[in-house]
């Protein structure tokens, strides 16, 4: 007759990047990776940082059909999947902003 209830936040509530998402990107004529990132972050508590030159690259990349439905997947993994392995996810927990840096640029800078 009694229900045991734990009075602690879930893992997803403590680390928002661990929340599980299951979304379908609205079918625009040609959705971009940038639009998909923004839609994915819409109710996550995070925003996409727009102030970097690297972020503008996603505006011209068309979203693959295989990425029109995402999930169920952890938010961090979904974001990484959308941009690909050549981009490094950077999360600012203080401002809840999500950015990406090119792994190729970082390697080239280290070599110079």
Foldseek 3Di string as FASTA:
>chain_A
DDDDDDPDDDPCVVPLQQDFDKDFADDDPWDWLLSVLQVLCVPSQAHEDDPDPVSVVRRPHTFDPVLRIDDSDRNNVNNCVSVDDQWDWDADPVRRYIYIDGVVVVVVVVVD
